[in-house]
Amino acid sequence: MPMTHPHTDAKATLAEVAALARVSLATASKVANGRPDVATATRERVERAIAELRYETSRKAPESGRPSIAFLADVITSTYAMEVLRGATEAAEELGVDLVVERTHRSTDPDGTPTAAALTQRLLSANRIGAVVLTAGVRGNAYSSVVEARLPMVVIDPLDSAHPDMISVGATNWLGGRSAAEHLLKLGHRDIAVMSGPARSLSASARIDGFLSVCRNAGSPVRDEWIRRVRFDAAEANTVAGEWLSAVVRPTAIMTGSDTQAVGVLRAAHTAGVHIPGDLSVISYDDTLLASWATPALTAVRQPLADMGRRAVETAYLIHCGKQPEARHIELTTTLVVRESTAPPGPRS
C-alpha cells in the first residue's frame, strides 16, 4: 500500500521523509546518504518515502573536498562574535576542516530558537561533521535531536542549560565579576552601579552574581535601582547610564556586562558632562578591540574569546573522531586589564 502524504509543489525535506516513513530524522539521513547500518525493512520504508516525495538525495560535495563544521550564531557582526570566530577559524584551518558560518534565525520557533527538526536537518543535509553554536538558545529537544544523529555540538556561552549533557565552552565569569568588584572597591568606590546582559544568559548572570557577592561581603551592597539587566547593546546602555547620571545621587563607578555596553556608558557620560575617570570610573567586559580603542581606554575583564572559539572547534572535531572531551563544561580563565577608565572616586560636589 502506498504511503499517504499531503500534496505539495515545494521540494520535500528530510523531516517530511522521516515523518512519512515513521522513523527518526537520523535514520532517514542514514538511508538518504547510503549508510549501511539500518535494518532492511526500515531502509525499504524510507526509500519508498523518498521515492513518493521525490526527495532529492544528491548533495553537492564541498569544493574543498574537506569535512565541514557549522558555526551557528544569532549575531555575527559584534566584536565579541568576530573574536570568537577568529579563534574558531584558526583551529579549523589547523585541523584541515572547513568552518561554515550560518545565522540561527532561519526555521525557528516564535522566540527565535531553532527547532529540533530544522536544526538537525540543516546540519545533516549539508553533511556537516559537527556544529559550534555561539550564545544562541538551543532547546533540550534540539540538542537531543542533533546528538541522536551522532553530530557533535558544542555551545559557546550558552543562554541556558537546556540539556543536562550539553557540552559547552565558556569563561570563569563569576571570578571575572569578582575581580571587577575588587578593583573598584580597592580604589575606594562604594557607590557602584552595575549593568549586565539578559537574565536568560548564564554567563551574564554568573558575572553579575560574582560582582554583587563581593560588594555585599565588603559591606557595600549595590542599590537595587543601580542593578540593571539589558541587552548587550550600546543604545540601551546609554539610556540606562543617562538615567543614573542625571539623578540627584549618582554612582561613582559603573560595571558593564560588555564592551559594547561600556561604549554606551561613555556616550552618556559625555552627554552629561561627566569626566572619566575623574567623576566616574567605568569597567567593561570581554576586552575586545572596542576596549583598547575607546577614549579613555577601558579597564576591562578579558575573556579569552579567541581561545574559546578554538577550544569549541577542537572539541567538536575530537568528538567526531570518537573521543570524549576532558569535561562537559570547559571554563577558560578571565583576567582584569587595567587601563585609563578607572581611578579613585573624586570629591562629591
Protein backbone atom coordinates (compact mmCIF):
# COMPACT_ATOMS: atom_id res chain seq x y z
CA MET A 1 0.00 0.00 0.00
CA PRO A 2 1.45 3.40 -0.93
CA MET A 3 2.13 5.87 1.83
CA THR A 4 -0.22 8.85 2.06
CA HIS A 5 1.05 12.36 2.34
CA PRO A 6 -0.19 15.92 1.70
CA HIS A 7 0.32 17.08 -1.88
CA THR A 8 2.79 19.93 -2.21
CA ASP A 9 4.69 21.53 -5.04
CA ALA A 10 7.51 22.51 -2.71
CA LYS A 11 10.66 20.42 -2.52
CA ALA A 12 10.39 17.67 0.06
CA THR A 13 12.52 17.90 3.18
CA LEU A 14 14.30 15.17 5.08
CA ALA A 15 11.96 15.79 8.02
CA GLU A 16 8.97 15.00 5.77
CA VAL A 17 10.65 11.81 4.61
CA ALA A 18 11.22 10.77 8.24
CA ALA A 19 7.61 11.54 9.17
CA LEU A 20 6.20 9.62 6.22
CA ALA A 21 8.43 6.61 6.91
CA ARG A 22 7.78 6.83 10.65
CA VAL A 23 11.48 6.93 11.54
CA SER A 24 13.77 9.40 13.23
CA LEU A 25 15.48 12.16 11.29
CA ALA A 26 18.82 10.47 11.96
CA THR A 27 17.63 7.18 10.43
CA ALA A 28 16.22 8.95 7.38
CA SER A 29 19.56 10.70 6.93
CA LYS A 30 21.46 7.40 7.09
CA VAL A 31 19.34 5.92 4.32
CA ALA A 32 19.47 9.07 2.20
CA ASN A 33 23.25 9.12 2.46
CA GLY A 34 23.69 5.41 1.73
CA ARG A 35 24.90 4.32 5.16
CA PRO A 36 24.60 0.55 5.77
CA ASP A 37 23.70 0.49 9.49
CA VAL A 38 19.90 0.42 9.00
CA ALA A 39 17.60 -2.62 9.17
CA THR A 40 16.38 -3.84 5.78
CA ALA A 41 12.67 -3.28 6.48
CA THR A 42 13.34 0.20 7.79
CA ARG A 43 15.55 1.05 4.84
CA GLU A 44 12.87 -0.05 2.37
CA ARG A 45 10.26 2.07 4.15
CA VAL A 46 12.48 5.15 3.99
CA GLU A 47 13.34 4.50 0.35
CA ARG A 48 9.62 4.32 -0.51
CA ALA A 49 9.08 7.64 1.26
CA ILE A 50 11.99 9.18 -0.65
CA ALA A 51 10.52 7.96 -3.92
CA GLU A 52 6.96 9.10 -3.17
CA LEU A 53 8.07 12.55 -2.02
CA ARG A 54 10.65 12.81 -4.79
CA TYR A 55 13.18 13.82 -2.18
CA GLU A 56 16.47 14.89 -3.76
CA THR A 57 19.19 12.88 -2.08
CA SER A 58 22.13 14.08 -4.12
CA ARG A 59 24.31 16.50 -2.22
CA LYS A 60 26.98 18.60 -3.79
CA ALA A 61 30.31 17.94 -2.10
CA PRO A 62 32.23 20.93 -0.73
CA GLU A 63 34.53 22.42 -3.32
CA SER A 64 37.47 21.94 -0.98
CA GLY A 65 36.68 18.24 -0.55
CA ARG A 66 37.23 18.69 3.19
CA PRO A 67 34.84 17.94 6.06
CA SER A 68 32.99 20.93 7.46
CA ILE A 69 31.79 22.16 10.84
CA ALA A 70 28.90 24.63 11.12
CA PHE A 71 29.42 27.81 13.15
CA LEU A 72 25.93 28.94 14.18
CA ALA A 73 25.38 32.36 15.77
CA ASP A 74 22.43 34.65 16.40
CA VAL A 75 24.63 37.73 15.89
CA ILE A 76 27.84 37.60 13.85
CA THR A 77 28.68 41.30 13.50
CA SER A 78 29.71 42.14 17.07
CA THR A 79 33.35 42.44 18.10
CA TYR A 80 32.65 39.64 20.61
CA ALA A 81 31.48 37.26 17.88
CA MET A 82 34.26 38.22 15.49
CA GLU A 83 36.93 37.48 18.09
CA VAL A 84 35.41 34.07 18.88
CA LEU A 85 35.20 33.39 15.15
CA ARG A 86 38.86 34.29 14.70
CA GLY A 87 39.93 31.51 17.07
CA ALA A 88 37.43 29.07 15.57
CA THR A 89 38.69 29.61 12.01
CA GLU A 90 42.32 29.25 13.08
CA ALA A 91 41.55 25.92 14.75
CA ALA A 92 39.56 24.69 11.75
CA GLU A 93 42.39 25.53 9.38
CA GLU A 94 44.91 23.68 11.54
CA LEU A 95 42.62 20.63 11.66
CA GLY A 96 42.02 20.65 7.90
CA VAL A 97 38.31 21.36 8.35
CA ASP A 98 36.13 23.99 6.69
CA LEU A 99 34.17 26.26 9.04
CA VAL A 100 30.83 27.38 7.58
CA VAL A 101 29.25 30.41 9.27
CA GLU A 102 25.45 30.49 9.45
CA ARG A 103 22.81 32.59 11.19
CA THR A 104 20.38 30.80 13.51
CA HIS A 105 17.33 32.90 12.65
CA ARG A 106 16.07 30.58 9.90
CA SER A 107 13.49 27.85 10.65
CA THR A 108 12.96 28.88 14.24
CA ASP A 109 10.33 28.83 16.96
CA PRO A 110 8.49 32.14 17.57
CA ASP A 111 11.14 33.21 20.10
CA GLY A 112 13.94 32.74 17.57
CA THR A 113 15.18 29.41 18.90
CA PRO A 114 15.99 26.83 16.20
CA THR A 115 13.53 23.92 16.18
CA ALA A 116 14.83 20.40 16.65
CA ALA A 117 13.86 19.24 13.18
CA ALA A 118 15.06 22.39 11.41
CA LEU A 119 18.42 22.44 13.15
CA THR A 120 19.14 18.75 12.66
CA GLN A 121 18.04 18.77 9.04
CA ARG A 122 20.25 21.76 8.25
CA LEU A 123 23.30 20.01 9.64
CA LEU A 124 22.58 16.60 8.14
CA SER A 125 21.59 17.82 4.69
CA ALA A 126 24.81 19.82 4.44
CA ASN A 127 26.88 16.82 5.58
CA ARG A 128 28.41 18.71 8.49
CA ILE A 129 30.54 16.64 10.86
CA GLY A 130 29.60 18.83 13.82
CA ALA A 131 28.43 22.25 14.97
CA VAL A 132 29.62 25.08 17.17
CA VAL A 133 26.85 27.33 18.48
CA LEU A 134 27.65 30.83 19.77
CA THR A 135 25.35 32.20 22.52
CA ALA A 136 22.15 31.31 20.63
CA GLY A 137 19.44 29.43 22.50
CA VAL A 138 19.36 25.67 21.93
CA ARG A 139 16.36 23.84 23.31
CA GLY A 140 16.87 20.50 25.02
CA ASN A 141 14.96 18.61 22.32
CA ALA A 142 17.05 20.28 19.60
CA TYR A 143 20.26 19.28 21.34
CA SER A 144 18.96 15.73 21.81
CA SER A 145 17.96 15.55 18.14
CA VAL A 146 21.42 16.59 16.98
CA VAL A 147 23.14 14.19 19.38
CA GLU A 148 20.84 11.34 18.28
CA ALA A 149 22.03 12.00 14.74
CA ARG A 150 25.58 11.46 16.03
CA LEU A 151 26.60 15.02 15.29
CA PRO A 152 28.86 16.66 17.88
CA MET A 153 27.54 20.02 19.09
CA VAL A 154 29.49 22.41 21.31
CA VAL A 155 27.84 25.57 22.66
CA ILE A 156 29.87 28.69 23.50
CA ASP A 157 28.40 30.82 26.32
CA PRO A 158 25.02 29.02 26.29
CA LEU A 159 21.98 31.14 27.07
CA ASP A 160 20.63 28.35 29.24
CA SER A 161 21.44 24.80 30.31
CA ALA A 162 18.55 23.21 28.41
CA HIS A 163 20.15 19.76 28.26
CA PRO A 164 21.99 18.02 31.12
CA ASP A 165 24.59 16.57 28.75
CA MET A 166 25.24 19.78 26.83
CA ILE A 167 28.92 20.29 26.02
CA SER A 168 29.89 23.93 26.37
CA VAL A 169 32.84 26.28 26.39
CA GLY A 170 32.92 29.47 28.42
CA ALA A 171 34.98 31.55 30.80
CA THR A 172 35.24 31.94 34.58
CA ASN A 173 32.55 34.62 34.58
CA TRP A 174 31.82 34.57 38.31
CA LEU A 175 35.51 35.16 39.02
CA GLY A 176 35.57 37.85 36.33
CA GLY A 177 32.76 39.72 38.07
CA ARG A 178 34.57 39.31 41.37
CA SER A 179 37.82 40.77 40.04
CA ALA A 180 35.98 43.83 38.69
CA ALA A 181 34.30 44.48 42.04
CA GLU A 182 37.54 44.01 43.97
CA HIS A 183 39.29 46.52 41.71
CA LEU A 184 36.65 49.21 42.25
CA LEU A 185 36.45 48.61 46.00
CA LYS A 186 40.23 48.80 46.29
CA LEU A 187 40.15 52.18 44.56
CA GLY A 188 37.71 53.37 47.22
CA HIS A 189 34.40 53.23 45.36
CA ARG A 190 31.28 52.49 47.38
CA ASP A 191 28.53 53.98 45.20
CA ILE A 192 28.72 51.46 42.37
CA ALA A 193 26.19 50.64 39.66
CA VAL A 194 26.21 47.50 37.56
CA MET A 195 24.52 46.56 34.32
CA SER A 196 24.64 43.09 32.86
CA GLY A 197 23.22 41.12 29.97
CA PRO A 198 19.77 39.48 29.83
CA ALA A 199 18.75 37.36 32.82
CA ARG A 200 18.43 34.35 30.50
CA SER A 201 22.18 34.40 29.79
CA LEU A 202 24.10 32.05 32.11
CA SER A 203 27.38 33.91 31.58
CA ALA A 204 25.82 37.31 32.26
CA SER A 205 24.17 36.00 35.42
CA ALA A 206 27.44 34.49 36.65
CA ARG A 207 29.44 37.70 36.23
CA ILE A 208 26.84 39.90 37.93
CA ASP A 209 26.46 37.36 40.76
CA GLY A 210 30.22 37.41 41.35
CA PHE A 211 30.26 41.21 41.32
CA LEU A 212 27.33 41.63 43.71
CA SER A 213 28.62 38.94 46.08
CA VAL A 214 31.93 40.75 46.60
CA CYS A 215 30.19 44.08 47.16
CA ARG A 216 27.86 42.56 49.76
CA ASN A 217 30.67 40.82 51.60
CA ALA A 218 32.61 44.10 51.68
CA GLY A 219 29.69 45.86 53.36
CA SER A 220 28.87 47.92 50.24
CA PRO A 221 25.84 46.24 48.66
CA VAL A 222 24.72 47.70 45.34
CA ARG A 223 21.42 49.59 45.46
CA ASP A 224 18.53 47.86 43.72
CA GLU A 225 17.99 50.84 41.40
CA TRP A 226 21.62 50.59 40.32
CA ILE A 227 21.30 46.98 39.12
CA ARG A 228 20.01 46.63 35.57
CA ARG A 229 19.88 43.77 33.09
CA VAL A 230 19.75 44.94 29.49
CA ARG A 231 20.78 43.62 26.11
CA PHE A 232 24.44 43.79 25.10
CA ASP A 233 23.58 46.96 23.22
CA ALA A 234 25.20 50.42 23.28
CA ALA A 235 21.91 52.28 22.85
CA GLU A 236 20.20 50.54 25.79
CA ALA A 237 23.28 51.01 27.96
CA ASN A 238 23.36 54.69 27.01
CA THR A 239 19.75 55.12 28.13
CA VAL A 240 20.28 53.39 31.47
CA ALA A 241 23.53 55.24 32.22
CA GLY A 242 21.85 58.52 31.28
CA GLU A 243 19.20 57.88 33.93
CA TRP A 244 21.81 57.11 36.58
CA LEU A 245 23.98 60.13 35.76
CA SER A 246 21.07 62.58 35.74
CA ALA A 247 19.85 61.55 39.21
CA VAL A 248 20.45 63.65 42.32
CA VAL A 249 22.63 60.88 43.75
CA ARG A 250 24.68 59.18 41.07
CA PRO A 251 27.20 56.32 41.14
CA THR A 252 30.93 56.97 41.14
CA ALA A 253 31.58 53.78 39.17
CA ILE A 254 29.74 51.61 36.66
CA MET A 255 30.48 47.99 35.80
CA THR A 256 29.11 46.89 32.43
CA GLY A 257 28.48 43.43 31.01
CA SER A 258 30.26 44.01 27.70
CA ASP A 259 32.50 46.43 25.82
CA THR A 260 29.51 47.45 23.71
CA GLN A 261 27.55 48.43 26.81
CA ALA A 262 30.57 50.38 28.06
CA VAL A 263 30.65 52.42 24.85
CA GLY A 264 27.05 53.41 25.58
CA VAL A 265 28.07 54.49 29.08
CA LEU A 266 30.92 56.59 27.69
CA ARG A 267 28.47 58.38 25.39
CA ALA A 268 26.06 59.02 28.28
CA ALA A 269 28.89 60.43 30.42
CA HIS A 270 29.99 62.74 27.59
CA THR A 271 26.42 63.99 27.13
CA ALA A 272 26.04 64.64 30.87
CA GLY A 273 29.40 66.42 31.13
CA VAL A 274 30.75 63.70 33.43
CA HIS A 275 34.52 63.22 33.19
CA ILE A 276 36.00 59.73 33.07
CA PRO A 277 37.72 58.67 35.28
CA GLY A 278 37.69 61.87 37.40
CA ASP A 279 33.93 61.85 38.03
CA LEU A 280 33.09 58.30 37.02
CA SER A 281 35.02 55.04 36.69
CA VAL A 282 33.90 52.51 34.08
CA ILE A 283 34.79 48.82 33.74
CA SER A 284 33.80 46.81 30.68
CA TYR A 285 33.70 43.08 29.99
CA ASP A 286 35.17 40.98 27.13
CA ASP A 287 38.19 43.21 26.27
CA THR A 288 37.71 43.27 22.52
CA LEU A 289 39.26 45.98 20.34
CA LEU A 290 36.49 48.33 21.49
CA ALA A 291 38.00 48.41 24.97
CA SER A 292 41.54 49.32 23.96
CA TRP A 293 40.48 51.82 21.28
CA ALA A 294 37.89 53.68 23.37
CA THR A 295 38.65 57.12 24.77
CA PRO A 296 39.65 56.77 27.50
CA ALA A 297 40.87 53.20 27.05
CA LEU A 298 38.67 50.92 29.13
CA THR A 299 39.66 48.87 32.12
CA ALA A 300 38.13 45.52 31.21
CA VAL A 301 37.68 41.93 32.29
CA ARG A 302 39.24 39.95 29.47
CA GLN A 303 37.54 36.84 28.23
CA PRO A 304 39.84 34.65 26.11
CA LEU A 305 37.33 34.79 23.27
CA ALA A 306 39.60 33.51 20.50
CA ASP A 307 40.68 30.61 22.71
CA MET A 308 37.03 29.83 23.43
CA GLY A 309 36.32 29.58 19.70
CA ARG A 310 39.39 27.46 19.21
CA ARG A 311 38.51 25.03 22.01
CA ALA A 312 34.94 24.67 20.76
CA VAL A 313 36.04 23.65 17.25
CA GLU A 314 38.73 21.34 18.61
CA THR A 315 36.21 19.70 20.95
CA ALA A 316 33.62 19.16 18.20
CA TYR A 317 36.29 17.60 15.99
CA LEU A 318 37.55 15.43 18.87
CA ILE A 319 34.06 14.02 19.43
CA HIS A 320 33.66 13.43 15.69
CA CYS A 321 36.82 11.31 15.85
CA GLY A 322 35.25 9.14 18.55
CA LYS A 323 36.97 10.67 21.58
CA GLN A 324 35.43 12.30 24.62
CA PRO A 325 36.24 15.83 25.87
CA GLU A 326 38.06 16.28 29.15
CA ALA A 327 34.93 17.87 30.66
CA ARG A 328 31.37 18.63 29.58
CA HIS A 329 31.81 22.28 30.50
CA ILE A 330 35.18 23.86 29.71
CA GLU A 331 35.95 27.14 31.51
CA LEU A 332 38.86 29.34 30.47
CA THR A 333 40.39 31.93 32.79
CA THR A 334 39.37 35.59 32.81
CA THR A 335 41.82 38.38 33.70
CA LEU A 336 41.44 42.04 34.65
CA VAL A 337 43.20 44.51 32.35
CA VAL A 338 43.61 47.92 34.00
CA ARG A 339 43.66 50.93 31.67
CA GLU A 340 42.59 54.58 31.84
CA SER A 341 38.88 54.44 32.69
CA THR A 342 39.17 53.67 36.41
CA ALA A 343 40.58 55.79 39.26
CA PRO A 344 39.77 56.61 42.90
CA PRO A 345 36.46 58.46 43.29
CA GLY A 346 36.65 62.24 43.11
CA PRO A 347 35.21 64.57 45.78
CA ARG A 348 31.42 64.79 45.91
CA SER A 349 30.06 68.17 44.74
